[in-house]
Amino acid sequence: MGFLSWIILGLIAGFIGSKLVNKTGSGLIMDIALGVVGAVVGGYISSALGYGTVNGLNLYSIVVAVIGAVVVLLIYRAVVSRT
């Protein structure tokens, strides 16, 4: 997957993930970062479960990245609320 594909995937997944968890977007740069990290986390989770990884800019990859972004946001909120 190319650099531009990661940016686009990150923007879409980060925006959807932050809307699901926070009910608001996190801003352009934070949504992209969240989506890229979410794609990595989601790819690791889906690979561990035997479903494959993020392999391009397609619907499956977006769903996996959104799930990863939601997981990252929930972990972040749990850590921040404890401190």
PDB file of N, CA and C in Angstrom:
ATOM      1  N   MET A   1       0.843  -1.169   0.000  1.00  0.00           N
ATOM      2  CA  MET A   1       0.000   0.000   0.000  1.00  0.00           C
ATOM      3  C   MET A   1       0.889   1.232   0.000  1.00  0.00           C
ATOM      4  N   GLY A   2       0.574   2.190  -0.826  1.00  0.00           N
ATOM      5  CA  GLY A   2       1.374   3.391  -0.929  1.00  0.00           C
ATOM      6  C   GLY A   2       1.087   4.390   0.186  1.00  0.00           C
ATOM      7  N   PHE A   3       1.940   5.393   0.249  1.00  0.00           N
ATOM      8  CA  PHE A   3       1.833   6.420   1.288  1.00  0.00           C
ATOM      9  C   PHE A   3       0.495   7.150   1.216  1.00  0.00           C
ATOM     10  N   LEU A   4       0.071   7.524   0.026  1.00  0.00           N
ATOM     11  CA  LEU A   4      -1.188   8.247  -0.138  1.00  0.00           C
ATOM     12  C   LEU A   4      -2.379   7.378   0.263  1.00  0.00           C
ATOM     13  N   SER A   5      -2.312   6.095  -0.007  1.00  0.00           N
ATOM     14  CA  SER A   5      -3.381   5.178   0.401  1.00  0.00           C
ATOM     15  C   SER A   5      -3.496   5.114   1.920  1.00  0.00           C
ATOM     16  N   TRP A   6      -2.357   5.090   2.617  1.00  0.00           N
ATOM     17  CA  TRP A   6      -2.380   5.086   4.080  1.00  0.00           C
ATOM     18  C   TRP A   6      -2.996   6.369   4.630  1.00  0.00           C
ATOM     19  N   ILE A   7      -2.686   7.502   3.987  1.00  0.00           N
ATOM     20  CA  ILE A   7      -3.242   8.783   4.432  1.00  0.00           C
ATOM     21  C   ILE A   7      -4.765   8.792   4.243  1.00  0.00           C
ATOM     22  N   ILE A   8      -5.225   8.364   3.090  1.00  0.00           N
ATOM     23  CA  ILE A   8      -6.661   8.347   2.812  1.00  0.00           C
ATOM     24  C   ILE A   8      -7.378   7.358   3.730  1.00  0.00           C
ATOM     25  N   LEU A   9      -6.819   6.171   3.869  1.00  0.00           N
ATOM     26  CA  LEU A   9      -7.398   5.172   4.765  1.00  0.00           C
ATOM     27  C   LEU A   9      -7.413   5.684   6.202  1.00  0.00           C
ATOM     28  N   GLY A  10      -6.323   6.313   6.616  1.00  0.00           N
ATOM     29  CA  GLY A  10      -6.244   6.856   7.964  1.00  0.00           C
ATOM     30  C   GLY A  10      -7.274   7.937   8.207  1.00  0.00           C
ATOM     31  N   LEU A  11      -7.468   8.811   7.236  1.00  0.00           N
ATOM     32  CA  LEU A  11      -8.449   9.885   7.382  1.00  0.00           C
ATOM     33  C   LEU A  11      -9.861   9.323   7.504  1.00  0.00           C
ATOM     34  N   ILE A  12     -10.209   8.386   6.643  1.00  0.00           N
ATOM     35  CA  ILE A  12     -11.559   7.807   6.680  1.00  0.00           C
ATOM     36  C   ILE A  12     -11.782   7.038   7.982  1.00  0.00           C
ATOM     37  N   ALA A  13     -10.856   6.155   8.312  1.00  0.00           N
ATOM     38  CA  ALA A  13     -11.020   5.318   9.507  1.00  0.00           C
ATOM     39  C   ALA A  13     -10.941   6.136  10.786  1.00  0.00           C
ATOM     40  N   GLY A  14     -10.040   7.099  10.846  1.00  0.00           N
ATOM     41  CA  GLY A  14      -9.919   7.938  12.036  1.00  0.00           C
ATOM     42  C   GLY A  14     -11.151   8.785  12.259  1.00  0.00           C
ATOM     43  N   PHE A  15     -11.703   9.335  11.181  1.00  0.00           N
ATOM     44  CA  PHE A  15     -12.903  10.154  11.305  1.00  0.00           C
ATOM     45  C   PHE A  15     -14.081   9.317  11.791  1.00  0.00           C
ATOM     46  N   ILE A  16     -14.278   8.153  11.179  1.00  0.00           N
ATOM     47  CA  ILE A  16     -15.400   7.293  11.580  1.00  0.00           C
ATOM     48  C   ILE A  16     -15.204   6.796  13.009  1.00  0.00           C
ATOM     49  N   GLY A  17     -13.981   6.376  13.347  1.00  0.00           N
ATOM     50  CA  GLY A  17     -13.713   5.889  14.700  1.00  0.00           C
ATOM     51  C   GLY A  17     -13.919   6.960  15.754  1.00  0.00           C
ATOM     52  N   SER A  18     -13.460   8.176  15.491  1.00  0.00           N
ATOM     53  CA  SER A  18     -13.632   9.240  16.478  1.00  0.00           C
ATOM     54  C   SER A  18     -15.089   9.668  16.575  1.00  0.00           C
ATOM     55  N   LYS A  19     -15.847   9.590  15.484  1.00  0.00           N
ATOM     56  CA  LYS A  19     -17.281   9.871  15.542  1.00  0.00           C
ATOM     57  C   LYS A  19     -18.017   8.814  16.366  1.00  0.00           C
ATOM     58  N   LEU A  20     -17.604   7.563  16.258  1.00  0.00           N
ATOM     59  CA  LEU A  20     -18.257   6.492  17.011  1.00  0.00           C
ATOM     60  C   LEU A  20     -17.980   6.595  18.503  1.00  0.00           C
ATOM     61  N   VAL A  21     -16.761   6.940  18.869  1.00  0.00           N
ATOM     62  CA  VAL A  21     -16.385   6.948  20.282  1.00  0.00           C
ATOM     63  C   VAL A  21     -16.617   8.312  20.927  1.00  0.00           C
ATOM     64  N   ASN A  22     -16.158   9.374  20.298  1.00  0.00           N
ATOM     65  CA  ASN A  22     -16.219  10.710  20.898  1.00  0.00           C
ATOM     66  C   ASN A  22     -17.413  11.536  20.462  1.00  0.00           C
ATOM     67  N   LYS A  23     -18.136  11.101  19.460  1.00  0.00           N
ATOM     68  CA  LYS A  23     -19.250  11.830  18.858  1.00  0.00           C
ATOM     69  C   LYS A  23     -18.823  13.085  18.109  1.00  0.00           C
ATOM     70  N   THR A  24     -17.535  13.382  18.052  1.00  0.00           N
ATOM     71  CA  THR A  24     -17.011  14.505  17.273  1.00  0.00           C
ATOM     72  C   THR A  24     -15.727  14.050  16.594  1.00  0.00           C
ATOM     73  N   GLY A  25     -15.349  14.737  15.550  1.00  0.00           N
ATOM     74  CA  GLY A  25     -14.064  14.459  14.919  1.00  0.00           C
ATOM     75  C   GLY A  25     -12.934  15.001  15.781  1.00  0.00           C
ATOM     76  N   SER A  26     -11.738  14.529  15.552  1.00  0.00           N
ATOM     77  CA  SER A  26     -10.590  14.960  16.356  1.00  0.00           C
ATOM     78  C   SER A  26      -9.709  15.950  15.622  1.00  0.00           C
ATOM     79  N   GLY A  27     -10.087  16.365  14.440  1.00  0.00           N
ATOM     80  CA  GLY A  27      -9.242  17.232  13.631  1.00  0.00           C
ATOM     81  C   GLY A  27      -8.560  16.419  12.553  1.00  0.00           C
ATOM     82  N   LEU A  28      -8.139  17.088  11.500  1.00  0.00           N
ATOM     83  CA  LEU A  28      -7.596  16.405  10.330  1.00  0.00           C
ATOM     84  C   LEU A  28      -6.358  15.572  10.654  1.00  0.00           C
ATOM     85  N   ILE A  29      -5.377  16.170  11.280  1.00  0.00           N
ATOM     86  CA  ILE A  29      -4.112  15.465  11.569  1.00  0.00           C
ATOM     87  C   ILE A  29      -4.331  14.339  12.574  1.00  0.00           C
ATOM     88  N   MET A  30      -5.107  14.600  13.625  1.00  0.00           N
ATOM     89  CA  MET A  30      -5.354  13.557  14.629  1.00  0.00           C
ATOM     90  C   MET A  30      -6.183  12.410  14.057  1.00  0.00           C
ATOM     91  N   ASP A  31      -7.143  12.716  13.185  1.00  0.00           N
ATOM     92  CA  ASP A  31      -7.927  11.649  12.557  1.00  0.00           C
ATOM     93  C   ASP A  31      -7.049  10.777  11.667  1.00  0.00           C
ATOM     94  N   ILE A  32      -6.141  11.401  10.913  1.00  0.00           N
ATOM     95  CA  ILE A  32      -5.228  10.621  10.067  1.00  0.00           C
ATOM     96  C   ILE A  32      -4.326   9.742  10.927  1.00  0.00           C
ATOM     97  N   ALA A  33      -3.743  10.321  11.978  1.00  0.00           N
ATOM     98  CA  ALA A  33      -2.856   9.546  12.862  1.00  0.00           C
ATOM     99  C   ALA A  33      -3.624   8.412  13.530  1.00  0.00           C
ATOM    100  N   LEU A  34      -4.816   8.719  14.019  1.00  0.00           N
ATOM    101  CA  LEU A  34      -5.635   7.699  14.668  1.00  0.00           C
ATOM    102  C   LEU A  34      -5.989   6.582  13.695  1.00  0.00           C
ATOM    103  N   GLY A  35      -6.333   6.945  12.470  1.00  0.00           N
ATOM    104  CA  GLY A  35      -6.692   5.948  11.475  1.00  0.00           C
ATOM    105  C   GLY A  35      -5.529   5.066  11.076  1.00  0.00           C
ATOM    106  N   VAL A  36      -4.341   5.645  10.936  1.00  0.00           N
ATOM    107  CA  VAL A  36      -3.161   4.845  10.575  1.00  0.00           C
ATOM    108  C   VAL A  36      -2.800   3.902  11.712  1.00  0.00           C
ATOM    109  N   VAL A  37      -2.803   4.411  12.943  1.00  0.00           N
ATOM    110  CA  VAL A  37      -2.528   3.544  14.101  1.00  0.00           C
ATOM    111  C   VAL A  37      -3.631   2.493  14.225  1.00  0.00           C
ATOM    112  N   GLY A  38      -4.871   2.907  13.993  1.00  0.00           N
ATOM    113  CA  GLY A  38      -5.987   1.966  14.030  1.00  0.00           C
ATOM    114  C   GLY A  38      -5.865   0.885  12.977  1.00  0.00           C
ATOM    115  N   ALA A  39      -5.359   1.247  11.788  1.00  0.00           N
ATOM    116  CA  ALA A  39      -5.158   0.252  10.737  1.00  0.00           C
ATOM    117  C   ALA A  39      -4.100  -0.761  11.140  1.00  0.00           C
ATOM    118  N   VAL A  40      -3.052  -0.294  11.782  1.00  0.00           N
ATOM    119  CA  VAL A  40      -1.995  -1.211  12.234  1.00  0.00           C
ATOM    120  C   VAL A  40      -2.536  -2.130  13.330  1.00  0.00           C
ATOM    121  N   VAL A  41      -3.232  -1.552  14.314  1.00  0.00           N
ATOM    122  CA  VAL A  41      -3.785  -2.348  15.410  1.00  0.00           C
ATOM    123  C   VAL A  41      -4.860  -3.303  14.883  1.00  0.00           C
ATOM    124  N   GLY A  42      -5.759  -2.787  14.059  1.00  0.00           N
ATOM    125  CA  GLY A  42      -6.809  -3.629  13.487  1.00  0.00           C
ATOM    126  C   GLY A  42      -6.244  -4.736  12.609  1.00  0.00           C
ATOM    127  N   GLY A  43      -5.193  -4.425  11.837  1.00  0.00           N
ATOM    128  CA  GLY A  43      -4.543  -5.438  11.019  1.00  0.00           C
ATOM    129  C   GLY A  43      -3.912  -6.525  11.858  1.00  0.00           C
ATOM    130  N   TYR A  44      -3.301  -6.124  12.972  1.00  0.00           N
ATOM    131  CA  TYR A  44      -2.704  -7.117  13.873  1.00  0.00           C
ATOM    132  C   TYR A  44      -3.791  -8.007  14.484  1.00  0.00           C
ATOM    133  N   ILE A  45      -4.891  -7.398  14.927  1.00  0.00           N
ATOM    134  CA  ILE A  45      -5.975  -8.168  15.535  1.00  0.00           C
ATOM    135  C   ILE A  45      -6.595  -9.128  14.521  1.00  0.00           C
ATOM    136  N   SER A  46      -6.908  -8.625  13.322  1.00  0.00           N
ATOM    137  CA  SER A  46      -7.538  -9.501  12.322  1.00  0.00           C
ATOM    138  C   SER A  46      -6.587 -10.584  11.840  1.00  0.00           C
ATOM    139  N   SER A  47      -5.298 -10.283  11.787  1.00  0.00           N
ATOM    140  CA  SER A  47      -4.316 -11.290  11.410  1.00  0.00           C
ATOM    141  C   SER A  47      -4.213 -12.372  12.486  1.00  0.00           C
ATOM    142  N   ALA A  48      -4.256 -11.953  13.752  1.00  0.00           N
ATOM    143  CA  ALA A  48      -4.183 -12.919  14.850  1.00  0.00           C
ATOM    144  C   ALA A  48      -5.417 -13.819  14.871  1.00  0.00           C
ATOM    145  N   LEU A  49      -6.552 -13.288  14.420  1.00  0.00           N
ATOM    146  CA  LEU A  49      -7.776 -14.084  14.377  1.00  0.00           C
ATOM    147  C   LEU A  49      -7.896 -14.897  13.094  1.00  0.00           C
ATOM    148  N   GLY A  50      -6.957 -14.709  12.165  1.00  0.00           N
ATOM    149  CA  GLY A  50      -6.930 -15.492  10.944  1.00  0.00           C
ATOM    150  C   GLY A  50      -7.733 -14.919   9.792  1.00  0.00           C
ATOM    151  N   TYR A  51      -8.095 -13.648   9.857  1.00  0.00           N
ATOM    152  CA  TYR A  51      -8.892 -13.037   8.795  1.00  0.00           C
ATOM    153  C   TYR A  51      -8.069 -12.290   7.763  1.00  0.00           C
ATOM    154  N   GLY A  52      -6.809 -12.092   7.968  1.00  0.00           N
ATOM    155  CA  GLY A  52      -5.975 -11.351   7.023  1.00  0.00           C
ATOM    156  C   GLY A  52      -5.645  -9.963   7.557  1.00  0.00           C
ATOM    157  N   THR A  53      -4.960  -9.193   6.754  1.00  0.00           N
ATOM    158  CA  THR A  53      -4.498  -7.882   7.197  1.00  0.00           C
ATOM    159  C   THR A  53      -5.060  -6.782   6.300  1.00  0.00           C
ATOM    160  N   VAL A  54      -4.688  -5.564   6.629  1.00  0.00           N
ATOM    161  CA  VAL A  54      -5.033  -4.416   5.794  1.00  0.00           C
ATOM    162  C   VAL A  54      -4.153  -4.486   4.559  1.00  0.00           C
ATOM    163  N   ASN A  55      -4.769  -4.595   3.378  1.00  0.00           N
ATOM    164  CA  ASN A  55      -3.971  -4.835   2.181  1.00  0.00           C
ATOM    165  C   ASN A  55      -4.281  -3.885   1.033  1.00  0.00           C
ATOM    166  N   GLY A  56      -4.941  -2.805   1.287  1.00  0.00           N
ATOM    167  CA  GLY A  56      -5.240  -1.840   0.235  1.00  0.00           C
ATOM    168  C   GLY A  56      -6.354  -0.920   0.663  1.00  0.00           C
ATOM    169  N   LEU A  57      -6.750  -0.083  -0.238  1.00  0.00           N
ATOM    170  CA  LEU A  57      -7.831   0.856   0.046  1.00  0.00           C
ATOM    171  C   LEU A  57      -9.137   0.241  -0.449  1.00  0.00           C
ATOM    172  N   ASN A  58      -9.700  -0.643   0.385  1.00  0.00           N
ATOM    173  CA  ASN A  58     -10.954  -1.301   0.055  1.00  0.00           C
ATOM    174  C   ASN A  58     -11.844  -1.336   1.287  1.00  0.00           C
ATOM    175  N   LEU A  59     -13.062  -1.823   1.149  1.00  0.00           N
ATOM    176  CA  LEU A  59     -14.028  -1.808   2.247  1.00  0.00           C
ATOM    177  C   LEU A  59     -13.555  -2.634   3.437  1.00  0.00           C
ATOM    178  N   TYR A  60     -12.977  -3.799   3.176  1.00  0.00           N
ATOM    179  CA  TYR A  60     -12.479  -4.646   4.266  1.00  0.00           C
ATOM    180  C   TYR A  60     -11.415  -3.916   5.078  1.00  0.00           C
ATOM    181  N   SER A  61     -10.489  -3.270   4.404  1.00  0.00           N
ATOM    182  CA  SER A  61      -9.424  -2.554   5.099  1.00  0.00           C
ATOM    183  C   SER A  61      -9.976  -1.386   5.909  1.00  0.00           C
ATOM    184  N   ILE A  62     -10.975  -0.702   5.379  1.00  0.00           N
ATOM    185  CA  ILE A  62     -11.580   0.409   6.112  1.00  0.00           C
ATOM    186  C   ILE A  62     -12.272  -0.093   7.371  1.00  0.00           C
ATOM    187  N   VAL A  63     -13.001  -1.195   7.260  1.00  0.00           N
ATOM    188  CA  VAL A  63     -13.687  -1.764   8.431  1.00  0.00           C
ATOM    189  C   VAL A  63     -12.676  -2.201   9.480  1.00  0.00           C
ATOM    190  N   VAL A  64     -11.616  -2.868   9.071  1.00  0.00           N
ATOM    191  CA  VAL A  64     -10.574  -3.306  10.005  1.00  0.00           C
ATOM    192  C   VAL A  64      -9.908  -2.095  10.661  1.00  0.00           C
ATOM    193  N   ALA A  65      -9.632  -1.056   9.891  1.00  0.00           N
ATOM    194  CA  ALA A  65      -8.994   0.143  10.437  1.00  0.00           C
ATOM    195  C   ALA A  65      -9.921   0.878  11.398  1.00  0.00           C
ATOM    196  N   VAL A  66     -11.214   0.922  11.104  1.00  0.00           N
ATOM    197  CA  VAL A  66     -12.169   1.566  12.014  1.00  0.00           C
ATOM    198  C   VAL A  66     -12.245   0.794  13.325  1.00  0.00           C
ATOM    199  N   ILE A  67     -12.287  -0.522  13.251  1.00  0.00           N
ATOM    200  CA  ILE A  67     -12.304  -1.332  14.476  1.00  0.00           C
ATOM    201  C   ILE A  67     -11.031  -1.088  15.284  1.00  0.00           C
ATOM    202  N   GLY A  68      -9.896  -1.041  14.621  1.00  0.00           N
ATOM    203  CA  GLY A  68      -8.641  -0.746  15.315  1.00  0.00           C
ATOM    204  C   GLY A  68      -8.630   0.648  15.917  1.00  0.00           C
ATOM    205  N   ALA A  69      -9.175   1.631  15.208  1.00  0.00           N
ATOM    206  CA  ALA A  69      -9.235   3.000  15.732  1.00  0.00           C
ATOM    207  C   ALA A  69     -10.133   3.080  16.953  1.00  0.00           C
ATOM    208  N   VAL A  70     -11.243   2.372  16.936  1.00  0.00           N
ATOM    209  CA  VAL A  70     -12.134   2.353  18.098  1.00  0.00           C
ATOM    210  C   VAL A  70     -11.430   1.707  19.289  1.00  0.00           C
ATOM    211  N   VAL A  71     -10.713   0.624  19.051  1.00  0.00           N
ATOM    212  CA  VAL A  71      -9.960  -0.029  20.134  1.00  0.00           C
ATOM    213  C   VAL A  71      -8.915   0.928  20.706  1.00  0.00           C
ATOM    214  N   VAL A  72      -8.183   1.609  19.838  1.00  0.00           N
ATOM    215  CA  VAL A  72      -7.160   2.562  20.292  1.00  0.00           C
ATOM    216  C   VAL A  72      -7.801   3.685  21.101  1.00  0.00           C
ATOM    217  N   LEU A  73      -8.914   4.224  20.637  1.00  0.00           N
ATOM    218  CA  LEU A  73      -9.582   5.307  21.367  1.00  0.00           C
ATOM    219  C   LEU A  73     -10.118   4.843  22.719  1.00  0.00           C
ATOM    220  N   LEU A  74     -10.676   3.651  22.775  1.00  0.00           N
ATOM    221  CA  LEU A  74     -11.183   3.146  24.057  1.00  0.00           C
ATOM    222  C   LEU A  74     -10.055   2.910  25.053  1.00  0.00           C
ATOM    223  N   ILE A  75      -8.935   2.382  24.583  1.00  0.00           N
ATOM    224  CA  ILE A  75      -7.777   2.199  25.465  1.00  0.00           C
ATOM    225  C   ILE A  75      -7.248   3.555  25.928  1.00  0.00           C
ATOM    226  N   TYR A  76      -7.179   4.518  25.014  1.00  0.00           N
ATOM    227  CA  TYR A  76      -6.714   5.863  25.365  1.00  0.00           C
ATOM    228  C   TYR A  76      -7.617   6.498  26.415  1.00  0.00           C
ATOM    229  N   ARG A  77      -8.930   6.384  26.222  1.00  0.00           N
ATOM    230  CA  ARG A  77      -9.863   6.967  27.200  1.00  0.00           C
ATOM    231  C   ARG A  77      -9.762   6.279  28.551  1.00  0.00           C
ATOM    232  N   ALA A  78      -9.531   4.961  28.569  1.00  0.00           N
ATOM    233  CA  ALA A  78      -9.394   4.240  29.828  1.00  0.00           C
ATOM    234  C   ALA A  78      -8.132   4.662  30.570  1.00  0.00           C
ATOM    235  N   VAL A  79      -7.042   4.867  29.840  1.00  0.00           N
ATOM    236  CA  VAL A  79      -5.792   5.274  30.476  1.00  0.00           C
ATOM    237  C   VAL A  79      -5.875   6.710  30.987  1.00  0.00           C
ATOM    238  N   VAL A  80      -6.453   7.604  30.188  1.00  0.00           N
ATOM    239  CA  VAL A  80      -6.551   9.004  30.576  1.00  0.00           C
ATOM    240  C   VAL A  80      -7.488   9.186  31.762  1.00  0.00           C
ATOM    241  N   SER A  81      -8.570   8.421  31.818  1.00  0.00           N
ATOM    242  CA  SER A  81      -9.526   8.578  32.919  1.00  0.00           C
ATOM    243  C   SER A  81      -8.959   8.074  34.241  1.00  0.00           C
ATOM    244  N   ARG A  82      -7.964   7.210  34.205  1.00  0.00           N
ATOM    245  CA  ARG A  82      -7.353   6.706  35.443  1.00  0.00           C
ATOM    246  C   ARG A  82      -6.346   7.684  36.036  1.00  0.00           C
ATOM    247  N   THR A  83      -5.821   8.576  35.224  1.00  0.00           N
ATOM    248  CA  THR A  83      -4.812   9.503  35.735  1.00  0.00           C
ATOM    249  C   THR A  83      -5.410  10.825  36.105  1.00  0.00           C
TER     250      THR A  83
END
